[in-house]
PDB file of N, CA and C in Angstrom:
ATOM      1  N   LYS A   1     -43.903 -58.179  -7.973  1.00  0.00           N
ATOM      2  CA  LYS A   1     -44.657 -58.830  -6.878  1.00  0.00           C
ATOM      3  C   LYS A   1     -44.615 -57.977  -5.613  1.00  0.00           C
ATOM      4  N   ILE A   2     -45.650 -58.135  -4.798  1.00  0.00           N
ATOM      5  CA  ILE A   2     -45.736 -57.374  -3.544  1.00  0.00           C
ATOM      6  C   ILE A   2     -44.677 -57.868  -2.534  1.00  0.00           C
ATOM      7  N   PRO A   3     -44.506 -59.192  -2.353  1.00  0.00           N
ATOM      8  CA  PRO A   3     -43.494 -59.671  -1.396  1.00  0.00           C
ATOM      9  C   PRO A   3     -42.105 -59.093  -1.664  1.00  0.00           C
ATOM     10  N   MET A   4     -41.751 -58.982  -2.946  1.00  0.00           N
ATOM     11  CA  MET A   4     -40.454 -58.430  -3.317  1.00  0.00           C
ATOM     12  C   MET A   4     -40.329 -56.999  -2.801  1.00  0.00           C
ATOM     13  N   PHE A   5     -41.380 -56.204  -2.983  1.00  0.00           N
ATOM     14  CA  PHE A   5     -41.382 -54.818  -2.518  1.00  0.00           C
ATOM     15  C   PHE A   5     -41.178 -54.756  -1.010  1.00  0.00           C
ATOM     16  N   TRP A   6     -41.876 -55.620  -0.289  1.00  0.00           N
ATOM     17  CA  TRP A   6     -41.746 -55.628   1.173  1.00  0.00           C
ATOM     18  C   TRP A   6     -40.339 -56.044   1.595  1.00  0.00           C
ATOM     19  N   GLU A   7     -39.779 -56.998   0.867  1.00  0.00           N
ATOM     20  CA  GLU A   7     -38.410 -57.438   1.169  1.00  0.00           C
ATOM     21  C   GLU A   7     -37.424 -56.291   0.992  1.00  0.00           C
ATOM     22  N   TRP A   8     -37.568 -55.561  -0.113  1.00  0.00           N
ATOM     23  CA  TRP A   8     -36.673 -54.437  -0.392  1.00  0.00           C
ATOM     24  C   TRP A   8     -36.822 -53.339   0.649  1.00  0.00           C
ATOM     25  N   SER A   9     -38.079 -53.019   0.996  1.00  0.00           N
ATOM     26  CA  SER A   9     -38.331 -51.959   1.984  1.00  0.00           C
ATOM     27  C   SER A   9     -37.726 -52.335   3.338  1.00  0.00           C
ATOM     28  N   ALA A  10     -37.904 -53.591   3.729  1.00  0.00           N
ATOM     29  CA  ALA A  10     -37.349 -54.071   5.001  1.00  0.00           C
ATOM     30  C   ALA A  10     -35.822 -53.996   4.978  1.00  0.00           C
ATOM     31  N   LEU A  11     -35.235 -54.377   3.855  1.00  0.00           N
ATOM     32  CA  LEU A  11     -33.781 -54.350   3.700  1.00  0.00           C
ATOM     33  C   LEU A  11     -33.250 -52.927   3.796  1.00  0.00           C
ATOM     34  N   ILE A  12     -33.928 -51.993   3.135  1.00  0.00           N
ATOM     35  CA  ILE A  12     -33.521 -50.583   3.154  1.00  0.00           C
ATOM     36  C   ILE A  12     -33.622 -50.019   4.574  1.00  0.00           C
ATOM     37  N   ILE A  13     -34.714 -50.342   5.270  1.00  0.00           N
ATOM     38  CA  ILE A  13     -34.914 -49.851   6.643  1.00  0.00           C
ATOM     39  C   ILE A  13     -33.808 -50.397   7.554  1.00  0.00           C
ATOM     40  N   ALA A  14     -33.509 -51.681   7.414  1.00  0.00           N
ATOM     41  CA  ALA A  14     -32.465 -52.312   8.230  1.00  0.00           C
ATOM     42  C   ALA A  14     -31.107 -51.670   7.956  1.00  0.00           C
ATOM     43  N   LEU A  15     -30.826 -51.432   6.680  1.00  0.00           N
ATOM     44  CA  LEU A  15     -29.563 -50.814   6.280  1.00  0.00           C
ATOM     45  C   LEU A  15     -29.448 -49.406   6.850  1.00  0.00           C
ATOM     46  N   PHE A  16     -30.532 -48.638   6.729  1.00  0.00           N
ATOM     47  CA  PHE A  16     -30.552 -47.270   7.243  1.00  0.00           C
ATOM     48  C   PHE A  16     -30.331 -47.251   8.752  1.00  0.00           C
ATOM     49  N   TYR A  17     -31.019 -48.153   9.466  1.00  0.00           N
ATOM     50  CA  TYR A  17     -30.884 -48.250  10.923  1.00  0.00           C
ATOM     51  C   TYR A  17     -29.447 -48.599  11.310  1.00  0.00           C
ATOM     52  N   PHE A  18     -28.848 -49.531  10.564  1.00  0.00           N
ATOM     53  CA  PHE A  18     -27.471 -49.937  10.826  1.00  0.00           C
ATOM     54  C   PHE A  18     -26.506 -48.774  10.623  1.00  0.00           C
ATOM     55  N   ILE A  19     -26.710 -48.016   9.540  1.00  0.00           N
ATOM     56  CA  ILE A  19     -25.844 -46.865   9.240  1.00  0.00           C
ATOM     57  C   ILE A  19     -25.950 -45.821  10.350  1.00  0.00           C
ATOM     58  N   VAL A  20     -27.167 -45.551  10.801  1.00  0.00           N
ATOM     59  CA  VAL A  20     -27.390 -44.555  11.863  1.00  0.00           C
ATOM     60  C   VAL A  20     -26.669 -44.979  13.137  1.00  0.00           C
ATOM     61  N   ARG A  21     -26.838 -46.238  13.527  1.00  0.00           N
ATOM     62  CA  ARG A  21     -26.174 -46.742  14.738  1.00  0.00           C
ATOM     63  C   ARG A  21     -24.652 -46.708  14.579  1.00  0.00           C
ATOM     64  N   TYR A  22     -24.169 -47.089  13.384  1.00  0.00           N
ATOM     65  CA  TYR A  22     -22.730 -47.113  13.117  1.00  0.00           C
ATOM     66  C   TYR A  22     -22.124 -45.721  13.226  1.00  0.00           C
ATOM     67  N   THR A  23     -22.796 -44.731  12.639  1.00  0.00           N
ATOM     68  CA  THR A  23     -22.296 -43.354  12.682  1.00  0.00           C
ATOM     69  C   THR A  23     -22.300 -42.832  14.118  1.00  0.00           C
ATOM     70  N   LYS A  24     -23.333 -43.186  14.882  1.00  0.00           N
ATOM     71  CA  LYS A  24     -23.418 -42.739  16.283  1.00  0.00           C
ATOM     72  C   LYS A  24     -22.264 -43.308  17.096  1.00  0.00           C
ATOM     73  N   THR A  25     -22.006 -44.609  16.934  1.00  0.00           N
ATOM     74  CA  THR A  25     -20.912 -45.252  17.668  1.00  0.00           C
ATOM     75  C   THR A  25     -19.570 -44.687  17.222  1.00  0.00           C
ATOM     76  N   LEU A  26     -19.441 -44.410  15.928  1.00  0.00           N
ATOM     77  CA  LEU A  26     -18.203 -43.853  15.385  1.00  0.00           C
ATOM     78  C   LEU A  26     -17.926 -42.481  15.986  1.00  0.00           C
ATOM     79  N   LYS A  27     -18.966 -41.643  16.084  1.00  0.00           N
ATOM     80  CA  LYS A  27     -18.824 -40.310  16.676  1.00  0.00           C
ATOM     81  C   LYS A  27     -18.407 -40.418  18.138  1.00  0.00           C
ATOM     82  N   LYS A  28     -19.011 -41.360  18.856  1.00  0.00           N
ATOM     83  CA  LYS A  28     -18.696 -41.558  20.276  1.00  0.00           C
ATOM     84  C   LYS A  28     -17.239 -41.985  20.433  1.00  0.00           C
ATOM     85  N   LEU A  29     -16.803 -42.904  19.569  1.00  0.00           N
ATOM     86  CA  LEU A  29     -15.417 -43.372  19.609  1.00  0.00           C
ATOM     87  C   LEU A  29     -14.456 -42.230  19.305  1.00  0.00           C
ATOM     88  N   LYS A  30     -14.782 -41.413  18.315  1.00  0.00           N
ATOM     89  CA  LYS A  30     -13.937 -40.277  17.941  1.00  0.00           C
ATOM     90  C   LYS A  30     -13.802 -39.299  19.104  1.00  0.00           C
ATOM     91  N   SER A  31     -14.912 -38.975  19.753  1.00  0.00           N
ATOM     92  CA  SER A  31     -14.894 -38.037  20.878  1.00  0.00           C
ATOM     93  C   SER A  31     -14.081 -38.621  22.037  1.00  0.00           C
ATOM     94  N   ASN A  32     -14.250 -39.918  22.291  1.00  0.00           N
ATOM     95  CA  ASN A  32     -13.499 -40.585  23.349  1.00  0.00           C
ATOM     96  C   ASN A  32     -12.002 -40.566  23.045  1.00  0.00           C
ATOM     97  N   ASN A  33     -11.657 -40.817  21.803  1.00  0.00           N
ATOM     98  CA  ASN A  33     -10.250 -40.809  21.397  1.00  0.00           C
ATOM     99  C   ASN A  33      -9.648 -39.417  21.556  1.00  0.00           C
ATOM    100  N   LEU A  34     -10.405 -38.390  21.187  1.00  0.00           N
ATOM    101  CA  LEU A  34      -9.926 -37.012  21.295  1.00  0.00           C
ATOM    102  C   LEU A  34      -9.668 -36.652  22.756  1.00  0.00           C
ATOM    103  N   THR A  35     -10.604 -36.987  23.629  1.00  0.00           N
ATOM    104  CA  THR A  35     -10.454 -36.691  25.053  1.00  0.00           C
ATOM    105  C   THR A  35      -9.282 -37.485  25.630  1.00  0.00           C
ATOM    106  N   PHE A  36      -9.125 -38.725  25.168  1.00  0.00           N
ATOM    107  CA  PHE A  36      -8.028 -39.570  25.641  1.00  0.00           C
ATOM    108  C   PHE A  36      -6.674 -38.976  25.241  1.00  0.00           C
ATOM    109  N   ILE A  37      -6.583 -38.465  24.024  1.00  0.00           N
ATOM    110  CA  ILE A  37      -5.337 -37.864  23.524  1.00  0.00           C
ATOM    111  C   ILE A  37      -5.029 -36.577  24.303  1.00  0.00           C
ATOM    112  N   LYS A  38      -6.059 -35.795  24.611  1.00  0.00           N
ATOM    113  CA  LYS A  38      -5.876 -34.535  25.337  1.00  0.00           C
ATOM    114  C   LYS A  38      -5.303 -34.781  26.725  1.00  0.00           C
ATOM    115  N   THR A  39      -5.796 -35.805  27.423  1.00  0.00           N
ATOM    116  CA  THR A  39      -5.353 -36.108  28.784  1.00  0.00           C
ATOM    117  C   THR A  39      -4.151 -37.029  28.796  1.00  0.00           C
TER     118      THR A  39
END
């Protein structure tokens, strides 16, 4: 069915967006932690 395809595509896009945001925040936290440890 077409609705099923749209549901899957939406789910994949949402998952991808979440992963991208998560990795970005993780990198920011890592850099902050490194600078905090240095000082």
